[in-house]
Amino acid sequence: MTRAVGRFFGHLWSATTKPVQTEEPESQTEVLNHQVDEIKGELDHKKVILRRTTIDEIEIREDS
């Protein structure tokens, strides 16, 4: 039982201290357009705001 608890905390320790490795190539993201549209109104005697956000991005990946 004690060994299992030690292994459990060992797994937690290694998961929090080791750096994360990814298989994905380096990438750069750039926002081309960021648009927010708002419509204010009333519903059942309560003030309501409908908000739509559109973000256009481009992601550039380095070939490996």
N, C-alpha and C. Protein backbone atom coordinates (compact mmCIF):
# COMPACT_ATOMS: atom_id res chain seq x y z
N MET A 1 0.83 -1.19 0.00
CA MET A 1 0.00 0.00 0.00
C MET A 1 0.87 1.26 0.00
N THR A 2 1.88 1.29 0.84
CA THR A 2 2.75 2.46 0.93
C THR A 2 3.50 2.66 -0.38
N ARG A 3 3.91 1.56 -1.01
CA ARG A 3 4.62 1.66 -2.28
C ARG A 3 3.73 2.28 -3.35
N ALA A 4 2.46 1.90 -3.38
CA ALA A 4 1.53 2.42 -4.37
C ALA A 4 1.32 3.92 -4.18
N VAL A 5 1.25 4.36 -2.94
CA VAL A 5 1.10 5.79 -2.67
C VAL A 5 2.36 6.54 -3.11
N GLY A 6 3.52 5.96 -2.87
CA GLY A 6 4.77 6.58 -3.28
C GLY A 6 4.88 6.68 -4.80
N ARG A 7 4.47 5.62 -5.49
CA ARG A 7 4.49 5.66 -6.96
C ARG A 7 3.52 6.71 -7.48
N PHE A 8 2.35 6.82 -6.84
CA PHE A 8 1.36 7.80 -7.25
C PHE A 8 1.93 9.21 -7.15
N PHE A 9 2.51 9.55 -6.02
CA PHE A 9 3.08 10.88 -5.85
C PHE A 9 4.32 11.08 -6.72
N GLY A 10 5.05 10.01 -7.02
CA GLY A 10 6.17 10.12 -7.94
C GLY A 10 5.70 10.48 -9.35
N HIS A 11 4.60 9.89 -9.78
CA HIS A 11 4.04 10.24 -11.09
C HIS A 11 3.57 11.69 -11.12
N LEU A 12 2.93 12.12 -10.05
CA LEU A 12 2.51 13.53 -9.97
C LEU A 12 3.71 14.47 -10.00
N TRP A 13 4.75 14.12 -9.26
CA TRP A 13 5.94 14.97 -9.22
C TRP A 13 6.59 15.09 -10.59
N SER A 14 6.74 13.95 -11.28
CA SER A 14 7.39 14.01 -12.59
C SER A 14 6.51 14.72 -13.62
N ALA A 15 5.20 14.61 -13.49
CA ALA A 15 4.30 15.29 -14.43
C ALA A 15 4.35 16.81 -14.26
N THR A 16 4.62 17.28 -13.06
CA THR A 16 4.63 18.73 -12.83
C THR A 16 6.02 19.34 -13.00
N THR A 17 7.08 18.54 -13.02
CA THR A 17 8.41 19.13 -13.10
C THR A 17 9.08 18.96 -14.46
N LYS A 18 8.66 17.98 -15.26
CA LYS A 18 9.28 17.77 -16.57
C LYS A 18 8.71 18.75 -17.59
N PRO A 19 9.53 19.24 -18.52
CA PRO A 19 9.01 20.13 -19.55
C PRO A 19 8.12 19.37 -20.54
N VAL A 20 7.16 20.08 -21.10
CA VAL A 20 6.23 19.48 -22.04
C VAL A 20 6.89 19.42 -23.42
N GLN A 21 6.82 18.26 -24.06
CA GLN A 21 7.37 18.09 -25.39
C GLN A 21 6.23 17.89 -26.37
N THR A 22 6.27 18.64 -27.48
CA THR A 22 5.23 18.49 -28.48
C THR A 22 5.86 18.05 -29.79
N GLU A 23 5.08 17.38 -30.59
CA GLU A 23 5.54 16.89 -31.89
C GLU A 23 5.30 17.95 -32.98
N GLU A 24 4.53 18.99 -32.67
CA GLU A 24 4.18 19.99 -33.66
C GLU A 24 5.36 20.92 -33.94
N PRO A 25 5.50 21.35 -35.20
CA PRO A 25 6.56 22.31 -35.52
C PRO A 25 6.27 23.68 -34.93
N GLU A 26 7.29 24.52 -34.88
CA GLU A 26 7.12 25.88 -34.38
C GLU A 26 6.12 26.62 -35.26
N SER A 27 5.29 27.46 -34.63
CA SER A 27 4.31 28.20 -35.40
C SER A 27 4.21 29.63 -34.88
N GLN A 28 3.70 30.48 -35.72
CA GLN A 28 3.50 31.89 -35.38
C GLN A 28 2.07 32.24 -35.77
N THR A 29 1.34 32.88 -34.85
CA THR A 29 -0.04 33.24 -35.11
C THR A 29 -0.16 34.75 -35.16
N GLU A 30 -0.91 35.24 -36.15
CA GLU A 30 -1.12 36.68 -36.31
C GLU A 30 -2.61 36.93 -36.50
N VAL A 31 -3.14 37.90 -35.75
CA VAL A 31 -4.55 38.27 -35.87
C VAL A 31 -4.69 39.27 -37.01
N LEU A 32 -5.53 38.92 -37.98
CA LEU A 32 -5.75 39.79 -39.13
C LEU A 32 -6.90 40.77 -38.89
N ASN A 33 -7.94 40.29 -38.23
CA ASN A 33 -9.13 41.11 -38.01
C ASN A 33 -9.80 40.70 -36.71
N HIS A 34 -10.25 41.68 -35.92
CA HIS A 34 -10.97 41.42 -34.67
C HIS A 34 -12.17 42.36 -34.66
N GLN A 35 -13.36 41.80 -34.79
CA GLN A 35 -14.57 42.61 -34.93
C GLN A 35 -15.57 42.20 -33.85
N VAL A 36 -16.15 43.20 -33.16
CA VAL A 36 -17.15 42.95 -32.14
C VAL A 36 -18.42 43.72 -32.52
N ASP A 37 -19.54 42.98 -32.63
CA ASP A 37 -20.84 43.58 -32.91
C ASP A 37 -21.72 43.41 -31.68
N GLU A 38 -22.39 44.49 -31.26
CA GLU A 38 -23.27 44.45 -30.10
C GLU A 38 -24.65 44.98 -30.46
N ILE A 39 -25.67 44.29 -29.94
CA ILE A 39 -27.04 44.75 -30.06
C ILE A 39 -27.62 44.76 -28.65
N LYS A 40 -28.11 45.93 -28.24
CA LYS A 40 -28.71 46.05 -26.91
C LYS A 40 -30.23 46.04 -27.06
N GLY A 41 -30.90 45.36 -26.14
CA GLY A 41 -32.34 45.27 -26.21
C GLY A 41 -32.93 44.93 -24.86
N GLU A 42 -34.19 44.51 -24.88
CA GLU A 42 -34.89 44.18 -23.65
C GLU A 42 -35.68 42.90 -23.87
N LEU A 43 -35.64 42.01 -22.87
CA LEU A 43 -36.34 40.73 -22.93
C LEU A 43 -36.96 40.47 -21.57
N ASP A 44 -38.26 40.34 -21.52
CA ASP A 44 -38.98 40.13 -20.26
C ASP A 44 -38.63 41.21 -19.23
N HIS A 45 -38.60 42.45 -19.67
CA HIS A 45 -38.31 43.62 -18.83
C HIS A 45 -36.91 43.58 -18.22
N LYS A 46 -35.98 42.89 -18.88
CA LYS A 46 -34.58 42.84 -18.45
C LYS A 46 -33.73 43.31 -19.60
N LYS A 47 -32.67 44.06 -19.27
CA LYS A 47 -31.75 44.53 -20.30
C LYS A 47 -30.89 43.36 -20.79
N VAL A 48 -30.75 43.25 -22.11
CA VAL A 48 -30.02 42.15 -22.72
C VAL A 48 -29.04 42.73 -23.73
N ILE A 49 -27.83 42.17 -23.76
CA ILE A 49 -26.81 42.54 -24.75
C ILE A 49 -26.44 41.28 -25.52
N LEU A 50 -26.62 41.33 -26.84
CA LEU A 50 -26.18 40.25 -27.71
C LEU A 50 -24.87 40.69 -28.33
N ARG A 51 -23.83 39.91 -28.09
CA ARG A 51 -22.50 40.29 -28.56
C ARG A 51 -21.94 39.17 -29.42
N ARG A 52 -21.47 39.50 -30.61
CA ARG A 52 -20.84 38.55 -31.51
C ARG A 52 -19.42 39.03 -31.79
N THR A 53 -18.46 38.14 -31.54
CA THR A 53 -17.05 38.46 -31.75
C THR A 53 -16.50 37.56 -32.85
N THR A 54 -15.87 38.18 -33.83
CA THR A 54 -15.26 37.44 -34.94
C THR A 54 -13.77 37.76 -34.97
N ILE A 55 -12.95 36.70 -34.95
CA ILE A 55 -11.50 36.88 -35.00
C ILE A 55 -10.97 36.09 -36.19
N ASP A 56 -10.29 36.78 -37.09
CA ASP A 56 -9.64 36.14 -38.24
C ASP A 56 -8.15 36.04 -37.91
N GLU A 57 -7.63 34.80 -37.93
CA GLU A 57 -6.22 34.56 -37.62
C GLU A 57 -5.56 33.84 -38.78
N ILE A 58 -4.25 33.97 -38.80
CA ILE A 58 -3.44 33.18 -39.72
C ILE A 58 -2.34 32.53 -38.88
N GLU A 59 -2.11 31.24 -39.14
CA GLU A 59 -1.07 30.51 -38.43
C GLU A 59 -0.02 30.07 -39.44
N ILE A 60 1.23 30.43 -39.17
CA ILE A 60 2.33 30.09 -40.06
C ILE A 60 3.21 29.07 -39.33
N ARG A 61 3.36 27.89 -39.94
CA ARG A 61 4.17 26.82 -39.34
C ARG A 61 5.47 26.66 -40.10
N GLU A 62 6.52 26.43 -39.36
CA GLU A 62 7.84 26.17 -39.95
C GLU A 62 7.90 24.72 -40.37
N ASP A 63 8.37 24.46 -41.58
CA ASP A 63 8.56 23.07 -42.04
C ASP A 63 9.80 22.49 -41.37
N SER A 64 9.67 21.20 -41.01
CA SER A 64 10.84 20.58 -40.37
C SER A 64 11.59 19.70 -41.32
